[in-house]
Amino acid sequence: VQLQASGGGLVQTGGSLRLSCAASGLTFRIYVMGWFRQAPGNEREFVAAISSNGGSTYFADSVKGRFTISRDNAKNTVALQMNSATPEDTAVYYCAARLTAYNSDVYWNGGHYDYWGQGTQVTVSS
């Protein structure tokens, strides 16, 4: 299984950035996809997740209303659209995959994901 995250870079405060994650080696359409991030000196934190069919989305309070998550099961990709970026969004962003769970609470926990991408750096300048 490979998850390849891309799209990171430098953006100014208030700007937008679109991250993408391309998956291979798994039956993508049955996996929940999540985005997590980790800033220097901080623990990894949940950002967003999307159900296997794209019908449900989940967001951390810190990004709700600013970020959106979407997926294309025909292309095996998931995207994170970051709008109104702030310096607090600066981190390495990781995509991750796990099978659908009965209890969606587990989607917030990175320890419950089976596969991880290599990460892409996002830097928001003030």
C-alpha atoms as a PDB file:
ATOM      1  CA  VAL A   1       0.000   0.000   0.000  1.00  0.00           C
ATOM      2  CA  GLN A   2       1.240   3.475  -0.856  1.00  0.00           C
ATOM      3  CA  LEU A   3      -0.180   6.827   0.070  1.00  0.00           C
ATOM      4  CA  GLN A   4       1.535   9.707  -1.668  1.00  0.00           C
ATOM      5  CA  ALA A   5       0.770  13.151  -0.302  1.00  0.00           C
ATOM      6  CA  SER A   6       1.542  16.240  -2.344  1.00  0.00           C
ATOM      7  CA  GLY A   7       0.655  19.895  -2.711  1.00  0.00           C
ATOM      8  CA  GLY A   8       2.387  21.337   0.314  1.00  0.00           C
ATOM      9  CA  GLY A   9       4.298  24.574   0.162  1.00  0.00           C
ATOM     10  CA  LEU A  10       4.481  28.121   1.406  1.00  0.00           C
ATOM     11  CA  VAL A  11       1.340  30.221   1.655  1.00  0.00           C
ATOM     12  CA  GLN A  12       0.614  33.585   3.216  1.00  0.00           C
ATOM     13  CA  THR A  13      -1.819  34.060   6.054  1.00  0.00           C
ATOM     14  CA  GLY A  14      -5.323  34.092   4.646  1.00  0.00           C
ATOM     15  CA  GLY A  15      -4.278  32.171   1.579  1.00  0.00           C
ATOM     16  CA  SER A  16      -5.310  28.780   0.259  1.00  0.00           C
ATOM     17  CA  LEU A  17      -3.584  25.533  -0.484  1.00  0.00           C
ATOM     18  CA  ARG A  18      -4.837  22.215  -1.790  1.00  0.00           C
ATOM     19  CA  LEU A  19      -3.254  18.993  -0.632  1.00  0.00           C
ATOM     20  CA  SER A  20      -3.744  15.753  -2.473  1.00  0.00           C
ATOM     21  CA  CYS A  21      -3.118  12.140  -1.566  1.00  0.00           C
ATOM     22  CA  ALA A  22      -2.901   9.407  -4.172  1.00  0.00           C
ATOM     23  CA  ALA A  23      -3.476   5.850  -2.972  1.00  0.00           C
ATOM     24  CA  SER A  24      -2.414   2.587  -4.517  1.00  0.00           C
ATOM     25  CA  GLY A  25      -2.295  -1.036  -3.471  1.00  0.00           C
ATOM     26  CA  LEU A  26      -5.618  -1.012  -1.635  1.00  0.00           C
ATOM     27  CA  THR A  27      -9.303  -1.098  -2.476  1.00  0.00           C
ATOM     28  CA  PHE A  28      -9.601   2.633  -2.038  1.00  0.00           C
ATOM     29  CA  ARG A  29     -13.386   2.853  -2.135  1.00  0.00           C
ATOM     30  CA  ILE A  30     -13.785   0.873   1.103  1.00  0.00           C
ATOM     31  CA  TYR A  31     -11.326   2.931   3.146  1.00  0.00           C
ATOM     32  CA  VAL A  32     -11.935   5.953   5.310  1.00  0.00           C
ATOM     33  CA  MET A  33      -9.316   8.584   4.525  1.00  0.00           C
ATOM     34  CA  GLY A  34      -7.937  10.975   7.073  1.00  0.00           C
ATOM     35  CA  TRP A  35      -5.588  13.921   7.232  1.00  0.00           C
ATOM     36  CA  PHE A  36      -3.399  14.546  10.241  1.00  0.00           C
ATOM     37  CA  ARG A  37      -0.699  17.095  10.904  1.00  0.00           C
ATOM     38  CA  GLN A  38       2.291  17.493  13.151  1.00  0.00           C
ATOM     39  CA  ALA A  39       4.042  20.739  13.939  1.00  0.00           C
ATOM     40  CA  PRO A  40       7.570  20.819  15.408  1.00  0.00           C
ATOM     41  CA  GLY A  41       7.475  19.995  19.097  1.00  0.00           C
ATOM     42  CA  ASN A  42       3.813  19.047  18.955  1.00  0.00           C
ATOM     43  CA  GLU A  43       2.000  15.765  18.879  1.00  0.00           C
ATOM     44  CA  ARG A  44       0.308  14.603  15.745  1.00  0.00           C
ATOM     45  CA  GLU A  45      -3.254  15.868  15.565  1.00  0.00           C
ATOM     46  CA  PHE A  46      -6.347  15.029  13.620  1.00  0.00           C
ATOM     47  CA  VAL A  47      -7.383  17.453  10.891  1.00  0.00           C
ATOM     48  CA  ALA A  48     -10.158  15.862   8.842  1.00  0.00           C
ATOM     49  CA  ALA A  49     -11.564  12.562   7.618  1.00  0.00           C
ATOM     50  CA  ILE A  50     -13.996  11.415   4.977  1.00  0.00           C
ATOM     51  CA  SER A  51     -16.053   8.251   4.827  1.00  0.00           C
ATOM     52  CA  SER A  52     -15.472   5.622   2.181  1.00  0.00           C
ATOM     53  CA  ASN A  53     -18.257   6.873  -0.101  1.00  0.00           C
ATOM     54  CA  GLY A  54     -17.625  10.537   0.660  1.00  0.00           C
ATOM     55  CA  GLY A  55     -20.992  10.952   2.303  1.00  0.00           C
ATOM     56  CA  SER A  56     -19.680  11.924   5.726  1.00  0.00           C
ATOM     57  CA  THR A  57     -16.904  14.275   6.691  1.00  0.00           C
ATOM     58  CA  TYR A  58     -15.285  15.043  10.023  1.00  0.00           C
ATOM     59  CA  PHE A  59     -13.213  18.039  11.024  1.00  0.00           C
ATOM     60  CA  ALA A  60     -11.167  19.199  13.952  1.00  0.00           C
ATOM     61  CA  ASP A  61     -12.647  22.294  15.553  1.00  0.00           C
ATOM     62  CA  SER A  62      -9.507  24.236  14.660  1.00  0.00           C
ATOM     63  CA  VAL A  63     -10.134  23.856  10.917  1.00  0.00           C
ATOM     64  CA  LYS A  64     -13.903  23.606  10.747  1.00  0.00           C
ATOM     65  CA  GLY A  65     -15.305  26.158   8.330  1.00  0.00           C
ATOM     66  CA  ARG A  66     -11.892  26.744   6.729  1.00  0.00           C
ATOM     67  CA  PHE A  67     -10.871  23.333   5.400  1.00  0.00           C
ATOM     68  CA  THR A  68     -12.801  20.904   3.254  1.00  0.00           C
ATOM     69  CA  ILE A  69     -12.065  17.289   2.417  1.00  0.00           C
ATOM     70  CA  SER A  70     -13.139  15.433  -0.698  1.00  0.00           C
ATOM     71  CA  ARG A  71     -12.339  12.211  -2.499  1.00  0.00           C
ATOM     72  CA  ASP A  72     -12.507  10.734  -5.960  1.00  0.00           C
ATOM     73  CA  ASN A  73     -12.931   6.987  -5.739  1.00  0.00           C
ATOM     74  CA  ALA A  74     -12.477   6.631  -9.494  1.00  0.00           C
ATOM     75  CA  LYS A  75      -9.006   8.162  -9.244  1.00  0.00           C
ATOM     76  CA  ASN A  76      -8.070   6.843  -5.787  1.00  0.00           C
ATOM     77  CA  THR A  77      -7.382  10.309  -4.469  1.00  0.00           C
ATOM     78  CA  VAL A  78      -8.357  12.395  -1.481  1.00  0.00           C
ATOM     79  CA  ALA A  79      -7.898  16.138  -1.224  1.00  0.00           C
ATOM     80  CA  LEU A  80      -7.710  18.638   1.596  1.00  0.00           C
ATOM     81  CA  GLN A  81      -8.595  22.179   0.609  1.00  0.00           C
ATOM     82  CA  MET A  82      -7.119  24.644   3.054  1.00  0.00           C
ATOM     83  CA  ASN A  83      -8.615  28.136   3.062  1.00  0.00           C
ATOM     84  CA  SER A  84      -8.033  31.135   5.298  1.00  0.00           C
ATOM     85  CA  ALA A  85      -4.734  29.653   6.387  1.00  0.00           C
ATOM     86  CA  THR A  86      -3.109  30.838   9.595  1.00  0.00           C
ATOM     87  CA  PRO A  87       0.431  30.359  10.922  1.00  0.00           C
ATOM     88  CA  GLU A  88      -1.031  27.793  13.329  1.00  0.00           C
ATOM     89  CA  ASP A  89      -1.703  25.571  10.311  1.00  0.00           C
ATOM     90  CA  THR A  90       2.038  25.224   9.707  1.00  0.00           C
ATOM     91  CA  ALA A  91       2.901  21.539   9.979  1.00  0.00           C
ATOM     92  CA  VAL A  92       3.714  18.395   8.094  1.00  0.00           C
ATOM     93  CA  TYR A  93       0.453  17.000   6.786  1.00  0.00           C
ATOM     94  CA  TYR A  94      -0.096  13.258   6.485  1.00  0.00           C
ATOM     95  CA  CYS A  95      -2.830  11.290   4.809  1.00  0.00           C
ATOM     96  CA  ALA A  96      -3.911   7.999   6.294  1.00  0.00           C
ATOM     97  CA  ALA A  97      -6.315   5.171   5.551  1.00  0.00           C
ATOM     98  CA  ARG A  98      -8.385   2.784   7.609  1.00  0.00           C
ATOM     99  CA  LEU A  99     -11.416   0.599   7.059  1.00  0.00           C
ATOM    100  CA  THR A 100     -14.854   1.872   7.983  1.00  0.00           C
ATOM    101  CA  ALA A 101     -15.590   1.527  11.690  1.00  0.00           C
ATOM    102  CA  TYR A 102     -18.897   1.017  13.434  1.00  0.00           C
ATOM    103  CA  ASN A 103     -18.054   3.901  15.734  1.00  0.00           C
ATOM    104  CA  SER A 104     -16.838   6.953  13.828  1.00  0.00           C
ATOM    105  CA  ASP A 105     -15.170   8.295  16.980  1.00  0.00           C
ATOM    106  CA  VAL A 106     -12.090   6.284  16.041  1.00  0.00           C
ATOM    107  CA  TYR A 107     -11.521   8.445  12.973  1.00  0.00           C
ATOM    108  CA  TRP A 108     -10.110  11.171  15.206  1.00  0.00           C
ATOM    109  CA  ASN A 109      -7.413   8.849  16.516  1.00  0.00           C
ATOM    110  CA  GLY A 110      -4.352   8.323  14.386  1.00  0.00           C
ATOM    111  CA  GLY A 111      -3.600   5.120  16.244  1.00  0.00           C
ATOM    112  CA  HIS A 112      -6.594   3.526  14.549  1.00  0.00           C
ATOM    113  CA  TYR A 113      -5.312   4.069  11.012  1.00  0.00           C
ATOM    114  CA  ASP A 114      -3.623   1.272   9.128  1.00  0.00           C
ATOM    115  CA  TYR A 115      -1.678   3.070   6.408  1.00  0.00           C
ATOM    116  CA  TRP A 116       0.153   6.376   6.288  1.00  0.00           C
ATOM    117  CA  GLY A 117       1.689   8.565   3.631  1.00  0.00           C
ATOM    118  CA  GLN A 118       5.064  10.240   3.879  1.00  0.00           C
ATOM    119  CA  GLY A 119       3.817  13.745   4.665  1.00  0.00           C
ATOM    120  CA  THR A 120       3.948  17.087   2.919  1.00  0.00           C
ATOM    121  CA  GLN A 121       5.160  20.308   4.506  1.00  0.00           C
ATOM    122  CA  VAL A 122       2.795  23.268   4.770  1.00  0.00           C
ATOM    123  CA  THR A 123       4.183  26.590   5.935  1.00  0.00           C
ATOM    124  CA  VAL A 124       1.944  29.597   6.495  1.00  0.00           C
ATOM    125  CA  SER A 125       3.801  32.889   6.723  1.00  0.00           C
ATOM    126  CA  SER A 126       2.490  35.722   8.865  1.00  0.00           C
END
